Amino acid sequence: MTLKDQDCFYCNDTEPLFSLMTEICELKSSRVFLFNDQKNPGRCVVQFKDHKTEIFELTEEERQDFTKDLSLVAKTIYEIYGANKINYAIYGDMVPHLHVHVVPKTMDGVSWGKPFSDELPKQILEEDKMKAEVEKFRNALLKDRL
C-alpha cells in the first residue's frame, strides 16, 4: 500500500506538479520526473513513492532501494547527457516530501562551479522535444534494469 498525503505536491499528481515536470517512469521505490525547464539538460527529480519527508524515516530496505533508484538515474543522466559531474540536492522546506534533484553539470554549461539555480532564464522544451527526451531517458533507464 502506498502512503499518500492529500495536501502534498508530489502525492496529489495535479497540475502544479505537471506544469514543472514530466513523469519518466516508476522504479522500485521511486518515481522519476524530467524537469520541463532544461537549462541543465537531463535535470530530474527522484521522488520516494510513499509520503515520507526525511531519509531517516525510511526502513533499511527502503533506503537501499531508494539509493539504488537514485544511482541508476544518476548513471543514466551521466551517460546520455555527457555530464562532467552530477549534483544532488535534497530540500523540502517548501515541498515536504522526500525527493532528490539530480542535476547534470558540464564544464562548459550553465552554473559550472556554482549551485544550479531556478532564477536563471528558463529553457522550456517544446512538447514534441520533451516527449522525445522523456522517451530517450526512459529507454536508457529501463535498459539498465534488464
Protein backbone atom coordinates (compact mmCIF):
# COMPACT_ATOMS: atom_id res chain seq x y z
CA MET A 1 0.00 0.00 0.00
CA THR A 2 1.34 3.42 -0.97
CA LEU A 3 1.07 6.11 1.69
CA LYS A 4 -0.23 9.46 0.38
CA ASP A 5 -0.79 12.90 1.90
CA GLN A 6 -3.67 14.73 0.23
CA ASP A 7 -2.01 18.13 0.80
CA CYS A 8 1.31 17.05 -0.72
CA PHE A 9 2.59 18.44 -4.02
CA TYR A 10 4.02 15.05 -5.06
CA CYS A 11 1.24 12.81 -3.70
CA ASN A 12 -1.58 14.65 -5.48
CA ASP A 13 -0.46 14.32 -9.12
CA THR A 14 -2.10 17.62 -10.01
CA GLU A 15 -1.40 20.45 -12.43
CA PRO A 16 1.23 22.25 -10.31
CA LEU A 17 3.44 19.15 -10.46
CA PHE A 18 2.99 18.56 -14.18
CA SER A 19 3.47 22.22 -15.05
CA LEU A 20 7.04 21.87 -13.71
CA MET A 21 8.00 18.36 -14.76
CA THR A 22 7.05 15.32 -16.82
CA GLU A 23 7.00 11.81 -15.41
CA ILE A 24 9.52 9.45 -16.97
CA CYS A 25 8.72 6.22 -15.14
CA GLU A 26 8.35 4.41 -11.85
CA LEU A 27 11.18 2.41 -10.36
CA LYS A 28 11.09 0.06 -7.36
CA SER A 29 10.83 2.75 -4.66
CA SER A 30 10.52 5.96 -6.62
CA ARG A 31 9.02 7.94 -9.44
CA VAL A 32 11.33 9.80 -11.84
CA PHE A 33 10.44 13.16 -13.38
CA LEU A 34 12.24 15.24 -16.02
CA PHE A 35 12.09 18.98 -15.44
CA ASN A 36 10.32 20.88 -18.21
CA ASP A 37 12.98 23.60 -17.77
CA GLN A 38 16.03 22.02 -19.37
CA LYS A 39 18.66 24.72 -18.88
CA ASN A 40 20.57 21.84 -17.25
CA PRO A 41 19.83 19.12 -19.84
CA GLY A 42 18.71 15.97 -18.06
CA ARG A 43 17.79 17.60 -14.74
CA CYS A 44 15.26 15.47 -12.96
CA VAL A 45 13.74 14.57 -9.61
CA VAL A 46 13.70 11.16 -8.00
CA GLN A 47 10.71 11.11 -5.65
CA PHE A 48 10.16 8.46 -2.98
CA LYS A 49 6.83 6.74 -3.76
CA ASP A 50 5.38 6.86 -0.26
CA HIS A 51 4.81 10.08 1.64
CA LYS A 52 7.90 10.41 3.81
CA THR A 53 9.72 13.64 4.49
CA GLU A 54 13.14 12.53 5.79
CA ILE A 55 15.66 9.86 4.83
CA PHE A 56 15.79 8.62 8.41
CA GLU A 57 12.08 7.75 8.21
CA LEU A 58 12.84 5.03 5.66
CA THR A 59 13.40 1.44 6.66
CA GLU A 60 16.80 -0.02 5.82
CA GLU A 61 15.27 -1.83 2.83
CA GLU A 62 13.54 1.36 1.60
CA ARG A 63 16.81 3.32 1.93
CA GLN A 64 18.69 0.69 -0.05
CA ASP A 65 16.03 0.59 -2.77
CA PHE A 66 15.81 4.39 -2.97
CA THR A 67 19.59 4.71 -3.18
CA LYS A 68 19.68 2.10 -5.96
CA ASP A 69 17.00 4.01 -7.88
CA LEU A 70 18.85 7.29 -7.37
CA SER A 71 22.13 5.74 -8.52
CA LEU A 72 20.50 4.27 -11.63
CA VAL A 73 19.02 7.66 -12.55
CA ALA A 74 22.33 9.45 -11.98
CA LYS A 75 24.25 6.88 -14.07
CA THR A 76 21.72 7.21 -16.88
CA ILE A 77 21.95 11.02 -16.83
CA TYR A 78 25.74 10.86 -16.76
CA GLU A 79 25.80 8.62 -19.82
CA ILE A 80 23.13 10.15 -22.04
CA TYR A 81 23.76 13.82 -21.27
CA GLY A 82 27.56 13.74 -21.11
CA ALA A 83 27.77 15.21 -17.61
CA ASN A 84 31.15 16.03 -16.10
CA LYS A 85 29.56 15.91 -12.63
CA ILE A 86 26.16 15.13 -11.15
CA ASN A 87 24.86 17.47 -8.43
CA TYR A 88 22.32 16.20 -5.91
CA ALA A 89 20.03 18.45 -3.90
CA ILE A 90 17.61 17.46 -1.15
CA TYR A 91 15.49 20.31 0.16
CA GLY A 92 11.90 20.01 1.28
CA ASP A 93 11.26 23.26 3.12
CA MET A 94 8.50 24.23 0.70
CA VAL A 95 7.66 20.73 -0.58
CA PRO A 96 7.96 18.33 2.38
CA HIS A 97 8.10 15.02 0.52
CA LEU A 98 11.35 13.06 0.18
CA HIS A 99 12.74 13.85 -3.26
CA VAL A 100 16.19 14.44 -4.73
CA HIS A 101 17.03 16.88 -7.52
CA VAL A 102 19.57 15.22 -9.82
CA VAL A 103 21.30 17.89 -11.88
CA PRO A 104 23.92 17.12 -14.52
CA LYS A 105 26.63 19.73 -14.87
CA THR A 106 29.12 20.21 -17.70
CA MET A 107 32.25 22.35 -17.53
CA ASP A 108 31.05 24.47 -20.45
CA GLY A 109 27.42 24.53 -19.29
CA VAL A 110 25.26 26.73 -17.12
CA SER A 111 26.31 27.24 -13.48
CA TRP A 112 29.51 25.18 -13.56
CA GLY A 113 31.23 25.66 -10.20
CA LYS A 114 28.05 27.05 -8.62
CA PRO A 115 24.79 25.55 -7.36
CA PHE A 116 22.12 25.15 -10.01
CA SER A 117 19.57 27.96 -9.98
CA ASP A 118 15.93 28.28 -10.92
CA GLU A 119 16.48 32.05 -11.10
CA LEU A 120 18.27 31.80 -14.46
CA PRO A 121 16.20 32.12 -17.66
CA LYS A 122 14.12 29.04 -18.34
CA GLN A 123 14.65 26.78 -21.35
CA ILE A 124 11.29 25.05 -21.70
CA LEU A 125 11.29 22.35 -24.35
CA GLU A 126 8.53 22.26 -26.94
CA GLU A 127 6.09 19.39 -26.41
CA ASP A 128 7.49 17.14 -29.15
CA LYS A 129 11.07 17.66 -27.95
CA MET A 130 10.05 16.96 -24.35
CA LYS A 131 8.34 13.72 -25.42
CA ALA A 132 11.50 12.70 -27.27
CA GLU A 133 13.70 13.48 -24.23
CA VAL A 134 11.40 11.54 -21.90
CA GLU A 135 11.38 8.56 -24.26
CA LYS A 136 15.18 8.64 -24.65
CA PHE A 137 15.61 8.85 -20.88
CA ARG A 138 13.04 6.11 -20.17
CA ASN A 139 14.58 3.74 -22.72
CA ALA A 140 18.10 4.24 -21.35
CA LEU A 141 16.94 3.98 -17.74
CA LEU A 142 14.91 0.81 -18.21
CA LYS A 143 17.58 -0.80 -20.41
CA ASP A 144 19.94 -0.73 -17.42
CA ARG A 145 17.35 -2.55 -15.30
CA LEU A 146 17.17 -5.62 -17.55
